């Protein structure tokens, strides 16, 4: 079967695979869906809308720490190479 469309975007991962959401310097954020963005973004959007409306306890992830991903330092320079590898695999198979 021919594939018409393929998603090839970035996946944001956290070390513990739990999302992070909150407010920093007046900017509200929700991120770190770790591959579950479609479902989680809808849920987090609803939650963060409630937070922005003044319901501070609507964010169940507000107090999570941000542990670093082991071995990850700086920009992930290797990801384009990984993407190229899988693109070649798709062409060959």
PDB file of N, CA and C in Angstrom:
ATOM      1  N   UNK A   1       0.839  -1.162   0.000  1.00  0.00           N
ATOM      2  CA  UNK A   1       0.000   0.000   0.000  1.00  0.00           C
ATOM      3  C   UNK A   1       0.888   1.230   0.000  1.00  0.00           C
ATOM      4  N   UNK A   2       0.558   2.197  -0.805  1.00  0.00           N
ATOM      5  CA  UNK A   2       1.311   3.447  -0.892  1.00  0.00           C
ATOM      6  C   UNK A   2       0.982   4.350   0.308  1.00  0.00           C
ATOM      7  N   UNK A   3       2.019   4.949   0.852  1.00  0.00           N
ATOM      8  CA  UNK A   3       1.848   5.904   1.948  1.00  0.00           C
ATOM      9  C   UNK A   3       1.741   7.291   1.353  1.00  0.00           C
ATOM     10  N   UNK A   4       0.657   7.994   1.666  1.00  0.00           N
ATOM     11  CA  UNK A   4       0.444   9.339   1.127  1.00  0.00           C
ATOM     12  C   UNK A   4       1.149  10.413   1.939  1.00  0.00           C
ATOM     13  N   UNK A   5       1.156  10.256   3.259  1.00  0.00           N
ATOM     14  CA  UNK A   5       1.729  11.272   4.121  1.00  0.00           C
ATOM     15  C   UNK A   5       2.513  10.604   5.237  1.00  0.00           C
ATOM     16  N   UNK A   6       3.571  11.250   5.668  1.00  0.00           N
ATOM     17  CA  UNK A   6       4.393  10.731   6.751  1.00  0.00           C
ATOM     18  C   UNK A   6       4.782  11.886   7.658  1.00  0.00           C
ATOM     19  N   UNK A   7       4.603  11.707   8.957  1.00  0.00           N
ATOM     20  CA  UNK A   7       5.002  12.727   9.909  1.00  0.00           C
ATOM     21  C   UNK A   7       6.456  12.515  10.255  1.00  0.00           C
ATOM     22  N   UNK A   8       7.243  13.570  10.251  1.00  0.00           N
ATOM     23  CA  UNK A   8       8.652  13.466  10.576  1.00  0.00           C
ATOM     24  C   UNK A   8       9.102  14.576  11.488  1.00  0.00           C
ATOM     25  N   UNK A   9       8.263  14.964  12.408  1.00  0.00           N
ATOM     26  CA  UNK A   9       8.593  16.085  13.276  1.00  0.00           C
ATOM     27  C   UNK A   9       9.421  15.688  14.483  1.00  0.00           C
ATOM     28  N   UNK A  10       9.659  16.663  15.313  1.00  0.00           N
ATOM     29  CA  UNK A  10      10.447  16.464  16.524  1.00  0.00           C
ATOM     30  C   UNK A  10       9.590  15.783  17.591  1.00  0.00           C
ATOM     31  N   UNK A  11      10.218  14.971  18.398  1.00  0.00           N
ATOM     32  CA  UNK A  11       9.575  14.355  19.555  1.00  0.00           C
ATOM     33  C   UNK A  11      10.308  14.874  20.778  1.00  0.00           C
ATOM     34  N   UNK A  12       9.552  15.490  21.673  1.00  0.00           N
ATOM     35  CA  UNK A  12      10.201  16.009  22.879  1.00  0.00           C
ATOM     36  C   UNK A  12      10.034  15.002  24.003  1.00  0.00           C
ATOM     37  N   UNK A  13      11.155  14.572  24.542  1.00  0.00           N
ATOM     38  CA  UNK A  13      11.167  13.568  25.597  1.00  0.00           C
ATOM     39  C   UNK A  13      11.674  14.167  26.901  1.00  0.00           C
ATOM     40  N   UNK A  14      11.142  13.662  27.981  1.00  0.00           N
ATOM     41  CA  UNK A  14      11.675  14.003  29.292  1.00  0.00           C
ATOM     42  C   UNK A  14      12.306  12.738  29.860  1.00  0.00           C
ATOM     43  N   UNK A  15      13.191  12.889  30.814  1.00  0.00           N
ATOM     44  CA  UNK A  15      13.920  11.748  31.368  1.00  0.00           C
ATOM     45  C   UNK A  15      12.977  10.713  31.971  1.00  0.00           C
ATOM     46  N   UNK A  16      11.899  11.157  32.593  1.00  0.00           N
ATOM     47  CA  UNK A  16      10.962  10.216  33.226  1.00  0.00           C
ATOM     48  C   UNK A  16       9.714   9.976  32.386  1.00  0.00           C
ATOM     49  N   UNK A  17       9.684  10.529  31.170  1.00  0.00           N
ATOM     50  CA  UNK A  17       8.585  10.373  30.211  1.00  0.00           C
ATOM     51  C   UNK A  17       7.271  10.981  30.683  1.00  0.00           C
ATOM     52  N   UNK A  18       7.333  11.868  31.659  1.00  0.00           N
ATOM     53  CA  UNK A  18       6.143  12.588  32.118  1.00  0.00           C
ATOM     54  C   UNK A  18       6.160  13.995  31.533  1.00  0.00           C
ATOM     55  N   UNK A  19       5.006  14.534  31.161  1.00  0.00           N
ATOM     56  CA  UNK A  19       4.974  15.884  30.608  1.00  0.00           C
ATOM     57  C   UNK A  19       5.292  16.933  31.666  1.00  0.00           C
ATOM     58  N   UNK A  20       5.605  18.105  31.208  1.00  0.00           N
ATOM     59  CA  UNK A  20       5.835  19.246  32.092  1.00  0.00           C
ATOM     60  C   UNK A  20       4.932  20.382  31.620  1.00  0.00           C
ATOM     61  N   UNK A  21       4.383  21.108  32.572  1.00  0.00           N
ATOM     62  CA  UNK A  21       3.520  22.237  32.247  1.00  0.00           C
ATOM     63  C   UNK A  21       3.600  23.246  33.374  1.00  0.00           C
ATOM     64  N   UNK A  22       3.459  24.503  33.010  1.00  0.00           N
ATOM     65  CA  UNK A  22       3.494  25.542  34.025  1.00  0.00           C
ATOM     66  C   UNK A  22       3.581  26.923  33.423  1.00  0.00           C
ATOM     67  N   UNK A  23       4.184  27.818  34.163  1.00  0.00           N
ATOM     68  CA  UNK A  23       4.321  29.219  33.757  1.00  0.00           C
ATOM     69  C   UNK A  23       5.711  29.687  34.160  1.00  0.00           C
ATOM     70  N   UNK A  24       6.376  30.377  33.256  1.00  0.00           N
ATOM     71  CA  UNK A  24       7.708  30.912  33.525  1.00  0.00           C
ATOM     72  C   UNK A  24       7.782  32.307  32.930  1.00  0.00           C
ATOM     73  N   UNK A  25       8.025  33.301  33.765  1.00  0.00           N
ATOM     74  CA  UNK A  25       8.127  34.700  33.329  1.00  0.00           C
ATOM     75  C   UNK A  25       6.923  35.139  32.500  1.00  0.00           C
ATOM     76  N   UNK A  26       5.741  34.717  32.922  1.00  0.00           N
ATOM     77  CA  UNK A  26       4.509  35.132  32.248  1.00  0.00           C
ATOM     78  C   UNK A  26       4.147  34.325  31.009  1.00  0.00           C
ATOM     79  N   UNK A  27       4.957  33.323  30.672  1.00  0.00           N
ATOM     80  CA  UNK A  27       4.687  32.460  29.514  1.00  0.00           C
ATOM     81  C   UNK A  27       4.201  31.106  30.029  1.00  0.00           C
ATOM     82  N   UNK A  28       3.035  30.694  29.585  1.00  0.00           N
ATOM     83  CA  UNK A  28       2.503  29.390  29.964  1.00  0.00           C
ATOM     84  C   UNK A  28       2.988  28.352  28.955  1.00  0.00           C
ATOM     85  N   UNK A  29       3.319  27.172  29.441  1.00  0.00           N
ATOM     86  CA  UNK A  29       3.859  26.139  28.562  1.00  0.00           C
ATOM     87  C   UNK A  29       3.307  24.767  28.948  1.00  0.00           C
ATOM     88  N   UNK A  30       3.319  23.879  27.977  1.00  0.00           N
ATOM     89  CA  UNK A  30       3.022  22.458  28.166  1.00  0.00           C
ATOM     90  C   UNK A  30       3.863  21.734  27.132  1.00  0.00           C
ATOM     91  N   UNK A  31       4.682  20.779  27.583  1.00  0.00           N
ATOM     92  CA  UNK A  31       5.622  20.112  26.675  1.00  0.00           C
ATOM     93  C   UNK A  31       6.096  18.802  27.276  1.00  0.00           C
ATOM     94  N   UNK A  32       6.934  18.109  26.529  1.00  0.00           N
ATOM     95  CA  UNK A  32       7.518  16.867  27.011  1.00  0.00           C
ATOM     96  C   UNK A  32       6.547  15.704  26.953  1.00  0.00           C
ATOM     97  N   UNK A  33       5.770  15.632  25.888  1.00  0.00           N
ATOM     98  CA  UNK A  33       4.750  14.583  25.780  1.00  0.00           C
ATOM     99  C   UNK A  33       5.339  13.199  25.500  1.00  0.00           C
ATOM    100  N   UNK A  34       6.614  13.124  25.176  1.00  0.00           N
ATOM    101  CA  UNK A  34       7.336  11.859  25.024  1.00  0.00           C
ATOM    102  C   UNK A  34       6.648  10.883  24.078  1.00  0.00           C
ATOM    103  N   UNK A  35       6.199  11.387  22.943  1.00  0.00           N
ATOM    104  CA  UNK A  35       5.575  10.540  21.940  1.00  0.00           C
ATOM    105  C   UNK A  35       4.074  10.375  22.083  1.00  0.00           C
ATOM    106  N   UNK A  36       3.467  11.024  23.058  1.00  0.00           N
ATOM    107  CA  UNK A  36       2.020  10.930  23.279  1.00  0.00           C
ATOM    108  C   UNK A  36       1.338  12.269  23.038  1.00  0.00           C
ATOM    109  N   UNK A  37       1.876  13.048  22.107  1.00  0.00           N
ATOM    110  CA  UNK A  37       1.413  14.416  21.913  1.00  0.00           C
ATOM    111  C   UNK A  37      -0.019  14.567  21.462  1.00  0.00           C
ATOM    112  N   UNK A  38      -0.488  13.690  20.594  1.00  0.00           N
ATOM    113  CA  UNK A  38      -1.844  13.845  20.066  1.00  0.00           C
ATOM    114  C   UNK A  38      -2.874  13.819  21.177  1.00  0.00           C
ATOM    115  N   UNK A  39      -2.801  12.821  22.021  1.00  0.00           N
ATOM    116  CA  UNK A  39      -3.764  12.719  23.115  1.00  0.00           C
ATOM    117  C   UNK A  39      -3.457  13.718  24.223  1.00  0.00           C
ATOM    118  N   UNK A  40      -2.182  13.786  24.588  1.00  0.00           N
ATOM    119  CA  UNK A  40      -1.802  14.597  25.742  1.00  0.00           C
ATOM    120  C   UNK A  40      -1.965  16.089  25.485  1.00  0.00           C
ATOM    121  N   UNK A  41      -1.715  16.546  24.264  1.00  0.00           N
ATOM    122  CA  UNK A  41      -1.816  17.979  23.973  1.00  0.00           C
ATOM    123  C   UNK A  41      -3.247  18.480  24.161  1.00  0.00           C
ATOM    124  N   UNK A  42      -4.214  17.669  23.791  1.00  0.00           N
ATOM    125  CA  UNK A  42      -5.616  18.060  23.992  1.00  0.00           C
ATOM    126  C   UNK A  42      -5.903  18.178  25.486  1.00  0.00           C
ATOM    127  N   UNK A  43      -5.484  17.189  26.241  1.00  0.00           N
ATOM    128  CA  UNK A  43      -5.699  17.202  27.692  1.00  0.00           C
ATOM    129  C   UNK A  43      -4.969  18.375  28.347  1.00  0.00           C
ATOM    130  N   UNK A  44      -3.698  18.559  27.974  1.00  0.00           N
ATOM    131  CA  UNK A  44      -2.913  19.631  28.580  1.00  0.00           C
ATOM    132  C   UNK A  44      -3.438  21.004  28.187  1.00  0.00           C
ATOM    133  N   UNK A  45      -3.933  21.135  26.966  1.00  0.00           N
ATOM    134  CA  UNK A  45      -4.523  22.415  26.555  1.00  0.00           C
ATOM    135  C   UNK A  45      -5.695  22.785  27.444  1.00  0.00           C
ATOM    136  N   UNK A  46      -6.547  21.794  27.728  1.00  0.00           N
ATOM    137  CA  UNK A  46      -7.689  22.040  28.602  1.00  0.00           C
ATOM    138  C   UNK A  46      -7.231  22.398  30.007  1.00  0.00           C
ATOM    139  N   UNK A  47      -6.256  21.650  30.507  1.00  0.00           N
ATOM    140  CA  UNK A  47      -5.741  21.913  31.855  1.00  0.00           C
ATOM    141  C   UNK A  47      -5.106  23.297  31.963  1.00  0.00           C
ATOM    142  N   UNK A  48      -4.264  23.636  30.982  1.00  0.00           N
ATOM    143  CA  UNK A  48      -3.574  24.925  31.047  1.00  0.00           C
ATOM    144  C   UNK A  48      -4.533  26.094  30.827  1.00  0.00           C
ATOM    145  N   UNK A  49      -5.595  25.887  30.085  1.00  0.00           N
ATOM    146  CA  UNK A  49      -6.617  26.941  29.954  1.00  0.00           C
ATOM    147  C   UNK A  49      -7.247  27.216  31.312  1.00  0.00           C
ATOM    148  N   UNK A  50      -7.479  26.160  32.076  1.00  0.00           N
ATOM    149  CA  UNK A  50      -8.014  26.339  33.425  1.00  0.00           C
ATOM    150  C   UNK A  50      -7.009  27.055  34.319  1.00  0.00           C
ATOM    151  N   UNK A  51      -5.739  26.704  34.194  1.00  0.00           N
ATOM    152  CA  UNK A  51      -4.697  27.381  34.978  1.00  0.00           C
ATOM    153  C   UNK A  51      -4.661  28.861  34.632  1.00  0.00           C
ATOM    154  N   UNK A  52      -4.684  29.179  33.336  1.00  0.00           N
ATOM    155  CA  UNK A  52      -4.652  30.586  32.911  1.00  0.00           C
ATOM    156  C   UNK A  52      -5.902  31.338  33.350  1.00  0.00           C
ATOM    157  N   UNK A  53      -6.986  30.604  33.580  1.00  0.00           N
ATOM    158  CA  UNK A  53      -8.211  31.215  34.081  1.00  0.00           C
ATOM    159  C   UNK A  53      -8.212  31.402  35.582  1.00  0.00           C
ATOM    160  N   UNK A  54      -7.112  31.045  36.245  1.00  0.00           N
ATOM    161  CA  UNK A  54      -6.991  31.281  37.677  1.00  0.00           C
ATOM    162  C   UNK A  54      -7.068  30.039  38.541  1.00  0.00           C
ATOM    163  N   UNK A  55      -7.346  28.889  37.950  1.00  0.00           N
ATOM    164  CA  UNK A  55      -7.457  27.650  38.712  1.00  0.00           C
ATOM    165  C   UNK A  55      -6.082  26.974  38.783  1.00  0.00           C
ATOM    166  N   UNK A  56      -5.212  27.469  39.642  1.00  0.00           N
ATOM    167  CA  UNK A  56      -3.818  27.040  39.719  1.00  0.00           C
ATOM    168  C   UNK A  56      -3.642  25.538  39.976  1.00  0.00           C
ATOM    169  N   UNK A  57      -4.554  24.934  40.724  1.00  0.00           N
ATOM    170  CA  UNK A  57      -4.400  23.515  41.047  1.00  0.00           C
ATOM    171  C   UNK A  57      -4.879  22.591  39.918  1.00  0.00           C
ATOM    172  N   UNK A  58      -5.262  23.131  38.791  1.00  0.00           N
ATOM    173  CA  UNK A  58      -5.690  22.310  37.647  1.00  0.00           C
ATOM    174  C   UNK A  58      -4.512  21.637  36.956  1.00  0.00           C
ATOM    175  N   UNK A  59      -3.289  22.061  37.241  1.00  0.00           N
ATOM    176  CA  UNK A  59      -2.099  21.500  36.611  1.00  0.00           C
ATOM    177  C   UNK A  59      -1.489  20.427  37.519  1.00  0.00           C
ATOM    178  N   UNK A  60      -1.732  19.137  37.206  1.00  0.00           N
ATOM    179  CA  UNK A  60      -1.196  18.080  38.076  1.00  0.00           C
ATOM    180  C   UNK A  60       0.316  17.916  37.975  1.00  0.00           C
ATOM    181  N   UNK A  61       0.950  18.557  36.990  1.00  0.00           N
ATOM    182  CA  UNK A  61       2.392  18.418  36.792  1.00  0.00           C
ATOM    183  C   UNK A  61       3.163  19.664  37.245  1.00  0.00           C
ATOM    184  N   UNK A  62       2.531  20.546  37.947  1.00  0.00           N
ATOM    185  CA  UNK A  62       3.142  21.827  38.314  1.00  0.00           C
ATOM    186  C   UNK A  62       4.396  21.683  39.167  1.00  0.00           C
ATOM    187  N   UNK A  63       4.458  20.685  40.007  1.00  0.00           N
ATOM    188  CA  UNK A  63       5.571  20.566  40.948  1.00  0.00           C
ATOM    189  C   UNK A  63       6.625  19.535  40.555  1.00  0.00           C
ATOM    190  N   UNK A  64       6.573  19.029  39.331  1.00  0.00           N
ATOM    191  CA  UNK A  64       7.569  18.046  38.906  1.00  0.00           C
ATOM    192  C   UNK A  64       8.915  18.711  38.647  1.00  0.00           C
ATOM    193  N   UNK A  65       9.968  18.061  39.084  1.00  0.00           N
ATOM    194  CA  UNK A  65      11.325  18.535  38.794  1.00  0.00           C
ATOM    195  C   UNK A  65      11.652  18.216  37.338  1.00  0.00           C
ATOM    196  N   UNK A  66      12.708  18.812  36.813  1.00  0.00           N
ATOM    197  CA  UNK A  66      13.157  18.573  35.437  1.00  0.00           C
ATOM    198  C   UNK A  66      14.485  17.834  35.467  1.00  0.00           C
ATOM    199  N   UNK A  67      14.472  16.516  35.702  1.00  0.00           N
ATOM    200  CA  UNK A  67      15.752  15.797  35.723  1.00  0.00           C
ATOM    201  C   UNK A  67      16.362  15.769  34.324  1.00  0.00           C
ATOM    202  N   UNK A  68      17.679  15.871  34.231  1.00  0.00           N
ATOM    203  CA  UNK A  68      18.322  15.844  32.916  1.00  0.00           C
ATOM    204  C   UNK A  68      18.268  14.451  32.283  1.00  0.00           C
ATOM    205  N   UNK A  69      18.282  14.411  30.964  1.00  0.00           N
ATOM    206  CA  UNK A  69      18.358  13.146  30.246  1.00  0.00           C
ATOM    207  C   UNK A  69      19.815  12.704  30.266  1.00  0.00           C
ATOM    208  N   UNK A  70      20.114  11.518  30.797  1.00  0.00           N
ATOM    209  CA  UNK A  70      21.512  11.077  30.886  1.00  0.00           C
ATOM    210  C   UNK A  70      22.185  11.043  29.509  1.00  0.00           C
ATOM    211  N   UNK A  71      23.375  11.605  29.435  1.00  0.00           N
ATOM    212  CA  UNK A  71      24.139  11.598  28.199  1.00  0.00           C
ATOM    213  C   UNK A  71      23.739  12.647  27.186  1.00  0.00           C
ATOM    214  N   UNK A  72      22.722  13.418  27.472  1.00  0.00           N
ATOM    215  CA  UNK A  72      22.280  14.431  26.516  1.00  0.00           C
ATOM    216  C   UNK A  72      22.893  15.777  26.878  1.00  0.00           C
ATOM    217  N   UNK A  73      23.813  16.228  26.055  1.00  0.00           N
ATOM    218  CA  UNK A  73      24.463  17.519  26.266  1.00  0.00           C
ATOM    219  C   UNK A  73      24.353  18.333  24.995  1.00  0.00           C
ATOM    220  N   UNK A  74      23.748  19.496  25.089  1.00  0.00           N
ATOM    221  CA  UNK A  74      23.661  20.376  23.926  1.00  0.00           C
ATOM    222  C   UNK A  74      22.668  19.914  22.877  1.00  0.00           C
ATOM    223  N   UNK A  75      22.830  20.477  21.696  1.00  0.00           N
ATOM    224  CA  UNK A  75      21.936  20.185  20.579  1.00  0.00           C
ATOM    225  C   UNK A  75      22.150  18.739  20.094  1.00  0.00           C
ATOM    226  N   UNK A  76      21.053  18.001  19.838  1.00  0.00           N
ATOM    227  CA  UNK A  76      21.188  16.612  19.395  1.00  0.00           C
ATOM    228  C   UNK A  76      21.617  16.533  17.924  1.00  0.00           C
ATOM    229  N   UNK A  77      22.893  16.710  17.666  1.00  0.00           N
ATOM    230  CA  UNK A  77      23.456  16.755  16.313  1.00  0.00           C
ATOM    231  C   UNK A  77      23.247  15.464  15.538  1.00  0.00           C
ATOM    232  N   UNK A  78      23.061  14.363  16.267  1.00  0.00           N
ATOM    233  CA  UNK A  78      22.967  13.042  15.648  1.00  0.00           C
ATOM    234  C   UNK A  78      21.587  12.723  15.076  1.00  0.00           C
ATOM    235  N   UNK A  79      20.560  13.470  15.451  1.00  0.00           N
ATOM    236  CA  UNK A  79      19.210  13.139  15.009  1.00  0.00           C
ATOM    237  C   UNK A  79      19.025  13.196  13.495  1.00  0.00           C
ATOM    238  N   UNK A  80      19.598  14.168  12.774  1.00  0.00           N
ATOM    239  CA  UNK A  80      19.461  14.116  11.317  1.00  0.00           C
ATOM    240  C   UNK A  80      20.061  12.845  10.716  1.00  0.00           C
ATOM    241  N   UNK A  81      21.139  12.336  11.306  1.00  0.00           N
ATOM    242  CA  UNK A  81      21.738  11.092  10.823  1.00  0.00           C
ATOM    243  C   UNK A  81      20.815   9.904  11.074  1.00  0.00           C
ATOM    244  N   UNK A  82      20.158   9.889  12.207  1.00  0.00           N
ATOM    245  CA  UNK A  82      19.205   8.825  12.510  1.00  0.00           C
ATOM    246  C   UNK A  82      18.041   8.886  11.516  1.00  0.00           C
ATOM    247  N   UNK A  83      17.540  10.090  11.263  1.00  0.00           N
ATOM    248  CA  UNK A  83      16.463  10.253  10.291  1.00  0.00           C
ATOM    249  C   UNK A  83      16.872   9.797   8.905  1.00  0.00           C
ATOM    250  N   UNK A  84      18.098  10.114   8.493  1.00  0.00           N
ATOM    251  CA  UNK A  84      18.604   9.686   7.190  1.00  0.00           C
ATOM    252  C   UNK A  84      18.698   8.166   7.118  1.00  0.00           C
ATOM    253  N   UNK A  85      19.175   7.545   8.171  1.00  0.00           N
ATOM    254  CA  UNK A  85      19.256   6.084   8.218  1.00  0.00           C
ATOM    255  C   UNK A  85      17.882   5.464   7.955  1.00  0.00           C
ATOM    256  N   UNK A  86      16.858   5.959   8.664  1.00  0.00           N
ATOM    257  CA  UNK A  86      15.528   5.382   8.493  1.00  0.00           C
ATOM    258  C   UNK A  86      14.926   5.736   7.135  1.00  0.00           C
ATOM    259  N   UNK A  87      15.243   6.885   6.597  1.00  0.00           N
ATOM    260  CA  UNK A  87      14.780   7.222   5.255  1.00  0.00           C
ATOM    261  C   UNK A  87      15.382   6.262   4.231  1.00  0.00           C
ATOM    262  N   UNK A  88      16.656   5.944   4.374  1.00  0.00           N
ATOM    263  CA  UNK A  88      17.307   4.967   3.482  1.00  0.00           C
ATOM    264  C   UNK A  88      16.671   3.595   3.655  1.00  0.00           C
ATOM    265  N   UNK A  89      16.392   3.204   4.883  1.00  0.00           N
ATOM    266  CA  UNK A  89      15.732   1.919   5.115  1.00  0.00           C
ATOM    267  C   UNK A  89      14.371   1.859   4.418  1.00  0.00           C
ATOM    268  N   UNK A  90      13.612   2.958   4.464  1.00  0.00           N
ATOM    269  CA  UNK A  90      12.319   3.008   3.785  1.00  0.00           C
ATOM    270  C   UNK A  90      12.481   2.836   2.279  1.00  0.00           C
ATOM    271  N   UNK A  91      13.506   3.456   1.712  1.00  0.00           N
ATOM    272  CA  UNK A  91      13.736   3.366   0.261  1.00  0.00           C
ATOM    273  C   UNK A  91      14.133   1.935  -0.119  1.00  0.00           C
ATOM    274  N   UNK A  92      14.991   1.320   0.683  1.00  0.00           N
ATOM    275  CA  UNK A  92      15.496  -0.021   0.372  1.00  0.00           C
ATOM    276  C   UNK A  92      14.455  -1.125   0.587  1.00  0.00           C
ATOM    277  N   UNK A  93      13.522  -0.887   1.454  1.00  0.00           N
ATOM    278  CA  UNK A  93      12.542  -1.952   1.759  1.00  0.00           C
ATOM    279  C   UNK A  93      11.224  -1.517   1.278  1.00  0.00           C
TER     280      UNK A  93
END
